[in-house]
Amino acid sequence: TLFLFLIFLTNYPLILGISNQQFYLDLDFISTNKFLTLFTHPFAHLSIYHLVTDLIVFLLLYFELGSLKNFSKYKIIVGCWVFSSVIAFFSLPLYSVSTFGGLSGINYGILTYVCLKNAIKLENSFIFRAGSALFLLFLIIKQVIESCFHLNFVHEMHLGYVGIPISESHAGGMLAALTLFWISFKQEALSKKSKSHTTD
């Protein structure tokens, strides 16, 4: 609910046909005193098309997190938000742009987490687990190539309605998800080990 409120707050100008650039993260946010954009930029979008496509993906992936507790879901979202935003911020000069906004970094992070979750879940069929693992491998290879060469393979498909995609933002979200999943996996393993010792 909080995230949907932030999405509405930062994008209602688009519905009125007005620019919402004041919510984007700016390279000069310190000198211009736009500190609030540190919190608003992931939810602000360039166009209605940009907003709708990002929001649909975000909601689908959020529900794919399934049985995780709300705190765990928020932790994943915030972690992907921080990693993707920090890396994107320092990558902006490579693209000759000074502002940044959108959910794509968070979406890539959640997608990575979902793929990992599905790949190790024993209740899933072997084909589904293998498919999740292969799709994640494809995403990682794609992201490494895009980040190293500052490319985006699907940029032209969006016909300019999403601005210039910052591939490093996507990589940041994925890195956050990999880190958080590893921490969660280790904590779960330690918890099971502790319970087994208690039972013994």
C-alpha atoms as a PDB file:
ATOM      1  CA  THR A   1       0.000   0.000   0.000  1.00  0.00           C
ATOM      2  CA  LEU A   2       2.843   2.381   0.874  1.00  0.00           C
ATOM      3  CA  PHE A   3       4.570   1.740  -2.443  1.00  0.00           C
ATOM      4  CA  LEU A   4       1.343   2.238  -4.408  1.00  0.00           C
ATOM      5  CA  PHE A   5       0.806   5.552  -2.598  1.00  0.00           C
ATOM      6  CA  LEU A   6       4.340   6.699  -3.514  1.00  0.00           C
ATOM      7  CA  ILE A   7       3.768   5.646  -7.124  1.00  0.00           C
ATOM      8  CA  PHE A   8       0.552   7.690  -7.274  1.00  0.00           C
ATOM      9  CA  LEU A   9       2.142  10.682  -5.525  1.00  0.00           C
ATOM     10  CA  THR A  10       5.098  10.880  -7.904  1.00  0.00           C
ATOM     11  CA  ASN A  11       3.170  10.231 -11.118  1.00  0.00           C
ATOM     12  CA  TYR A  12      -0.146  12.083 -10.801  1.00  0.00           C
ATOM     13  CA  PRO A  13       1.337  15.037 -12.803  1.00  0.00           C
ATOM     14  CA  LEU A  14       1.629  12.702 -15.822  1.00  0.00           C
ATOM     15  CA  ILE A  15      -2.128  12.136 -15.723  1.00  0.00           C
ATOM     16  CA  LEU A  16      -2.567  15.914 -15.864  1.00  0.00           C
ATOM     17  CA  GLY A  17      -0.129  16.184 -18.764  1.00  0.00           C
ATOM     18  CA  ILE A  18       2.523  17.849 -16.595  1.00  0.00           C
ATOM     19  CA  SER A  19       6.173  16.854 -16.156  1.00  0.00           C
ATOM     20  CA  ASN A  20       7.050  15.127 -12.887  1.00  0.00           C
ATOM     21  CA  GLN A  21      10.789  15.731 -13.242  1.00  0.00           C
ATOM     22  CA  GLN A  22      10.925  17.253  -9.759  1.00  0.00           C
ATOM     23  CA  PHE A  23      10.702  13.710  -8.375  1.00  0.00           C
ATOM     24  CA  TYR A  24      13.670  12.301 -10.355  1.00  0.00           C
ATOM     25  CA  LEU A  25      17.048  11.782  -8.742  1.00  0.00           C
ATOM     26  CA  ASP A  26      19.378  14.523  -9.972  1.00  0.00           C
ATOM     27  CA  LEU A  27      23.181  14.415 -10.043  1.00  0.00           C
ATOM     28  CA  ASP A  28      23.090  17.881  -8.427  1.00  0.00           C
ATOM     29  CA  PHE A  29      20.570  16.953  -5.725  1.00  0.00           C
ATOM     30  CA  ILE A  30      22.903  18.281  -2.996  1.00  0.00           C
ATOM     31  CA  SER A  31      23.477  21.735  -4.489  1.00  0.00           C
ATOM     32  CA  THR A  32      19.791  22.027  -5.457  1.00  0.00           C
ATOM     33  CA  ASN A  33      18.574  20.746  -2.059  1.00  0.00           C
ATOM     34  CA  LYS A  34      16.498  17.993  -3.700  1.00  0.00           C
ATOM     35  CA  PHE A  35      17.147  15.448  -0.960  1.00  0.00           C
ATOM     36  CA  LEU A  36      13.551  14.234  -1.116  1.00  0.00           C
ATOM     37  CA  THR A  37      14.252  12.753  -4.546  1.00  0.00           C
ATOM     38  CA  LEU A  38      16.410  10.110  -2.832  1.00  0.00           C
ATOM     39  CA  PHE A  39      13.079   8.581  -1.766  1.00  0.00           C
ATOM     40  CA  THR A  40      10.809   9.510  -4.692  1.00  0.00           C
ATOM     41  CA  HIS A  41      12.889   8.697  -7.773  1.00  0.00           C
ATOM     42  CA  PRO A  42      12.270   4.912  -7.998  1.00  0.00           C
ATOM     43  CA  PHE A  43       8.542   5.590  -8.240  1.00  0.00           C
ATOM     44  CA  ALA A  44       8.637   8.534 -10.693  1.00  0.00           C
ATOM     45  CA  HIS A  45       8.329   7.659 -14.400  1.00  0.00           C
ATOM     46  CA  LEU A  46       8.962   9.437 -17.682  1.00  0.00           C
ATOM     47  CA  SER A  47       5.627   8.642 -19.314  1.00  0.00           C
ATOM     48  CA  ILE A  48       2.335   6.835 -18.771  1.00  0.00           C
ATOM     49  CA  TYR A  49       3.714   3.956 -20.864  1.00  0.00           C
ATOM     50  CA  HIS A  50       6.818   3.800 -18.639  1.00  0.00           C
ATOM     51  CA  LEU A  51       4.642   3.854 -15.514  1.00  0.00           C
ATOM     52  CA  VAL A  52       2.157   1.199 -16.659  1.00  0.00           C
ATOM     53  CA  THR A  53       4.772  -1.290 -17.893  1.00  0.00           C
ATOM     54  CA  ASP A  54       6.945  -0.930 -14.781  1.00  0.00           C
ATOM     55  CA  LEU A  55       3.951  -1.091 -12.431  1.00  0.00           C
ATOM     56  CA  ILE A  56       2.466  -4.225 -14.031  1.00  0.00           C
ATOM     57  CA  VAL A  57       5.808  -6.020 -13.776  1.00  0.00           C
ATOM     58  CA  PHE A  58       6.294  -4.822 -10.189  1.00  0.00           C
ATOM     59  CA  LEU A  59       2.874  -6.076  -9.046  1.00  0.00           C
ATOM     60  CA  LEU A  60       3.254  -9.445 -10.786  1.00  0.00           C
ATOM     61  CA  LEU A  61       6.678  -9.990  -9.243  1.00  0.00           C
ATOM     62  CA  TYR A  62       5.540  -8.799  -5.810  1.00  0.00           C
ATOM     63  CA  PHE A  63       2.804 -11.438  -5.757  1.00  0.00           C
ATOM     64  CA  GLU A  64       5.335 -14.026  -6.952  1.00  0.00           C
ATOM     65  CA  LEU A  65       7.215 -13.502  -3.675  1.00  0.00           C
ATOM     66  CA  GLY A  66       4.272 -15.443  -2.310  1.00  0.00           C
ATOM     67  CA  SER A  67       4.508 -16.763   1.216  1.00  0.00           C
ATOM     68  CA  LEU A  68       7.340 -14.518   2.364  1.00  0.00           C
ATOM     69  CA  LYS A  69       6.482 -12.314   5.334  1.00  0.00           C
ATOM     70  CA  ASN A  70       5.736  -8.673   4.550  1.00  0.00           C
ATOM     71  CA  PHE A  71       8.925  -7.585   6.332  1.00  0.00           C
ATOM     72  CA  SER A  72      10.986  -9.887   4.091  1.00  0.00           C
ATOM     73  CA  LYS A  73       9.262  -8.523   0.987  1.00  0.00           C
ATOM     74  CA  TYR A  74       9.935  -4.927   2.046  1.00  0.00           C
ATOM     75  CA  LYS A  75      13.537  -5.823   2.828  1.00  0.00           C
ATOM     76  CA  ILE A  76      14.000  -7.181  -0.701  1.00  0.00           C
ATOM     77  CA  ILE A  77      12.380  -4.127  -2.300  1.00  0.00           C
ATOM     78  CA  VAL A  78      14.348  -1.614  -0.217  1.00  0.00           C
ATOM     79  CA  GLY A  79      17.602  -3.524  -0.735  1.00  0.00           C
ATOM     80  CA  CYS A  80      17.120  -3.571  -4.516  1.00  0.00           C
ATOM     81  CA  TRP A  81      16.099   0.100  -4.379  1.00  0.00           C
ATOM     82  CA  VAL A  82      19.302   1.132  -2.552  1.00  0.00           C
ATOM     83  CA  PHE A  83      21.722  -0.975  -4.607  1.00  0.00           C
ATOM     84  CA  SER A  84      20.178  -0.061  -7.982  1.00  0.00           C
ATOM     85  CA  SER A  85      19.938   3.662  -7.153  1.00  0.00           C
ATOM     86  CA  VAL A  86      23.497   4.019  -5.867  1.00  0.00           C
ATOM     87  CA  ILE A  87      24.997   2.233  -8.874  1.00  0.00           C
ATOM     88  CA  ALA A  88      22.733   4.132 -11.294  1.00  0.00           C
ATOM     89  CA  PHE A  89      23.671   7.468  -9.717  1.00  0.00           C
ATOM     90  CA  PHE A  90      27.378   6.948 -10.370  1.00  0.00           C
ATOM     91  CA  SER A  91      26.673   5.578 -13.861  1.00  0.00           C
ATOM     92  CA  LEU A  92      24.603   8.524 -15.141  1.00  0.00           C
ATOM     93  CA  PRO A  93      27.597  10.460 -16.562  1.00  0.00           C
ATOM     94  CA  LEU A  94      28.388   7.463 -18.795  1.00  0.00           C
ATOM     95  CA  TYR A  95      25.059   8.066 -20.553  1.00  0.00           C
ATOM     96  CA  SER A  96      25.364  11.880 -20.626  1.00  0.00           C
ATOM     97  CA  VAL A  97      22.208  12.260 -18.542  1.00  0.00           C
ATOM     98  CA  SER A  98      21.741  13.920 -15.156  1.00  0.00           C
ATOM     99  CA  THR A  99      18.402  12.563 -13.895  1.00  0.00           C
ATOM    100  CA  PHE A 100      17.076   9.127 -13.152  1.00  0.00           C
ATOM    101  CA  GLY A 101      13.786   7.482 -12.187  1.00  0.00           C
ATOM    102  CA  GLY A 102      11.769   4.283 -12.504  1.00  0.00           C
ATOM    103  CA  LEU A 103      11.133   0.872 -10.940  1.00  0.00           C
ATOM    104  CA  SER A 104      13.156  -1.221 -13.366  1.00  0.00           C
ATOM    105  CA  GLY A 105      16.141  -1.697 -11.034  1.00  0.00           C
ATOM    106  CA  ILE A 106      13.822  -2.949  -8.291  1.00  0.00           C
ATOM    107  CA  ASN A 107      11.947  -5.127 -10.790  1.00  0.00           C
ATOM    108  CA  TYR A 108      15.139  -6.807 -11.990  1.00  0.00           C
ATOM    109  CA  GLY A 109      16.079  -7.447  -8.376  1.00  0.00           C
ATOM    110  CA  ILE A 110      12.739  -9.018  -7.450  1.00  0.00           C
ATOM    111  CA  LEU A 111      12.818 -11.110 -10.637  1.00  0.00           C
ATOM    112  CA  THR A 112      16.260 -12.411  -9.643  1.00  0.00           C
ATOM    113  CA  TYR A 113      15.027 -13.308  -6.155  1.00  0.00           C
ATOM    114  CA  VAL A 114      11.939 -15.079  -7.545  1.00  0.00           C
ATOM    115  CA  CYS A 115      14.056 -17.111  -9.975  1.00  0.00           C
ATOM    116  CA  LEU A 116      16.399 -18.175  -7.168  1.00  0.00           C
ATOM    117  CA  LYS A 117      13.469 -19.073  -4.910  1.00  0.00           C
ATOM    118  CA  ASN A 118      11.834 -21.179  -7.638  1.00  0.00           C
ATOM    119  CA  ALA A 119      15.101 -22.846  -8.640  1.00  0.00           C
ATOM    120  CA  ILE A 120      15.794 -24.290  -5.176  1.00  0.00           C
ATOM    121  CA  LYS A 121      12.221 -25.070  -4.128  1.00  0.00           C
ATOM    122  CA  LEU A 122      12.074 -28.874  -4.017  1.00  0.00           C
ATOM    123  CA  GLU A 123       8.285 -28.889  -4.344  1.00  0.00           C
ATOM    124  CA  ASN A 124       8.623 -27.540  -7.901  1.00  0.00           C
ATOM    125  CA  SER A 125       9.075 -29.901 -10.837  1.00  0.00           C
ATOM    126  CA  PHE A 126      12.592 -30.465 -12.158  1.00  0.00           C
ATOM    127  CA  ILE A 127      11.715 -28.737 -15.446  1.00  0.00           C
ATOM    128  CA  PHE A 128      10.392 -25.654 -13.655  1.00  0.00           C
ATOM    129  CA  ARG A 129      13.447 -25.481 -11.371  1.00  0.00           C
ATOM    130  CA  ALA A 130      15.832 -25.926 -14.283  1.00  0.00           C
ATOM    131  CA  GLY A 131      13.927 -23.345 -16.343  1.00  0.00           C
ATOM    132  CA  SER A 132      14.150 -20.807 -13.506  1.00  0.00           C
ATOM    133  CA  ALA A 133      17.894 -21.412 -13.130  1.00  0.00           C
ATOM    134  CA  LEU A 134      18.551 -21.129 -16.873  1.00  0.00           C
ATOM    135  CA  PHE A 135      16.466 -17.949 -17.153  1.00  0.00           C
ATOM    136  CA  LEU A 136      18.419 -16.424 -14.264  1.00  0.00           C
ATOM    137  CA  LEU A 137      21.700 -17.393 -15.927  1.00  0.00           C
ATOM    138  CA  PHE A 138      20.497 -15.716 -19.130  1.00  0.00           C
ATOM    139  CA  LEU A 139      19.597 -12.564 -17.172  1.00  0.00           C
ATOM    140  CA  ILE A 140      23.010 -12.431 -15.497  1.00  0.00           C
ATOM    141  CA  ILE A 141      24.910 -12.882 -18.788  1.00  0.00           C
ATOM    142  CA  LYS A 142      22.716 -10.270 -20.492  1.00  0.00           C
ATOM    143  CA  GLN A 143      23.242  -7.836 -17.633  1.00  0.00           C
ATOM    144  CA  VAL A 144      27.011  -8.294 -17.547  1.00  0.00           C
ATOM    145  CA  ILE A 145      27.234  -7.586 -21.300  1.00  0.00           C
ATOM    146  CA  GLU A 146      24.920  -4.566 -21.081  1.00  0.00           C
ATOM    147  CA  SER A 147      26.708  -3.081 -18.075  1.00  0.00           C
ATOM    148  CA  CYS A 148      30.203  -3.621 -19.480  1.00  0.00           C
ATOM    149  CA  PHE A 149      29.366  -2.047 -22.843  1.00  0.00           C
ATOM    150  CA  HIS A 150      26.620   0.387 -21.681  1.00  0.00           C
ATOM    151  CA  LEU A 151      24.044  -1.266 -23.937  1.00  0.00           C
ATOM    152  CA  ASN A 152      20.361  -2.091 -23.611  1.00  0.00           C
ATOM    153  CA  PHE A 153      19.056  -4.787 -25.920  1.00  0.00           C
ATOM    154  CA  VAL A 154      15.377  -3.813 -25.591  1.00  0.00           C
ATOM    155  CA  HIS A 155      15.777  -0.014 -25.687  1.00  0.00           C
ATOM    156  CA  GLU A 156      14.445   0.376 -29.221  1.00  0.00           C
ATOM    157  CA  MET A 157      11.399  -1.740 -28.407  1.00  0.00           C
ATOM    158  CA  HIS A 158      10.115   0.982 -26.053  1.00  0.00           C
ATOM    159  CA  LEU A 159      10.215   3.644 -28.815  1.00  0.00           C
ATOM    160  CA  GLY A 160      11.778   6.211 -26.483  1.00  0.00           C
ATOM    161  CA  TYR A 161       8.921   6.200 -23.951  1.00  0.00           C
ATOM    162  CA  VAL A 162      11.182   5.075 -21.098  1.00  0.00           C
ATOM    163  CA  GLY A 163      14.094   7.432 -21.761  1.00  0.00           C
ATOM    164  CA  ILE A 164      17.587   5.956 -21.682  1.00  0.00           C
ATOM    165  CA  PRO A 165      17.602   2.701 -19.655  1.00  0.00           C
ATOM    166  CA  ILE A 166      20.486   2.641 -17.158  1.00  0.00           C
ATOM    167  CA  SER A 167      21.680  -0.960 -17.335  1.00  0.00           C
ATOM    168  CA  GLU A 168      23.806  -0.553 -14.218  1.00  0.00           C
ATOM    169  CA  SER A 169      20.607   0.118 -12.249  1.00  0.00           C
ATOM    170  CA  HIS A 170      19.279  -3.291 -13.301  1.00  0.00           C
ATOM    171  CA  ALA A 171      22.591  -4.893 -12.339  1.00  0.00           C
ATOM    172  CA  GLY A 172      22.417  -3.195  -8.931  1.00  0.00           C
ATOM    173  CA  GLY A 173      18.967  -4.614  -8.272  1.00  0.00           C
ATOM    174  CA  MET A 174      20.127  -8.085  -9.250  1.00  0.00           C
ATOM    175  CA  LEU A 175      23.237  -7.816  -7.068  1.00  0.00           C
ATOM    176  CA  ALA A 176      21.080  -6.812  -4.091  1.00  0.00           C
ATOM    177  CA  ALA A 177      18.755  -9.779  -4.658  1.00  0.00           C
ATOM    178  CA  LEU A 178      21.659 -12.231  -4.919  1.00  0.00           C
ATOM    179  CA  THR A 179      23.150 -10.843  -1.694  1.00  0.00           C
ATOM    180  CA  LEU A 180      19.864 -10.887   0.231  1.00  0.00           C
ATOM    181  CA  PHE A 181      19.012 -14.388  -0.976  1.00  0.00           C
ATOM    182  CA  TRP A 182      22.415 -15.694   0.102  1.00  0.00           C
ATOM    183  CA  ILE A 183      22.015 -14.110   3.564  1.00  0.00           C
ATOM    184  CA  SER A 184      18.495 -15.552   3.895  1.00  0.00           C
ATOM    185  CA  PHE A 185      19.706 -18.990   2.759  1.00  0.00           C
ATOM    186  CA  LYS A 186      22.561 -18.994   5.293  1.00  0.00           C
ATOM    187  CA  GLN A 187      20.263 -17.853   8.116  1.00  0.00           C
ATOM    188  CA  GLU A 188      17.769 -20.605   7.294  1.00  0.00           C
ATOM    189  CA  ALA A 189      20.532 -23.215   7.222  1.00  0.00           C
ATOM    190  CA  LEU A 190      21.854 -22.049  10.608  1.00  0.00           C
ATOM    191  CA  SER A 191      18.326 -22.087  12.031  1.00  0.00           C
ATOM    192  CA  LYS A 192      17.766 -25.697  10.863  1.00  0.00           C
ATOM    193  CA  LYS A 193      21.158 -26.719  12.252  1.00  0.00           C
ATOM    194  CA  SER A 194      20.332 -25.123  15.604  1.00  0.00           C
ATOM    195  CA  LYS A 195      16.968 -26.919  15.772  1.00  0.00           C
ATOM    196  CA  SER A 196      18.560 -30.280  14.954  1.00  0.00           C
ATOM    197  CA  HIS A 197      21.078 -29.828  17.800  1.00  0.00           C
ATOM    198  CA  THR A 198      18.232 -28.916  20.170  1.00  0.00           C
ATOM    199  CA  THR A 199      16.300 -32.035  19.153  1.00  0.00           C
ATOM    200  CA  ASP A 200      19.376 -34.238  19.649  1.00  0.00           C
END
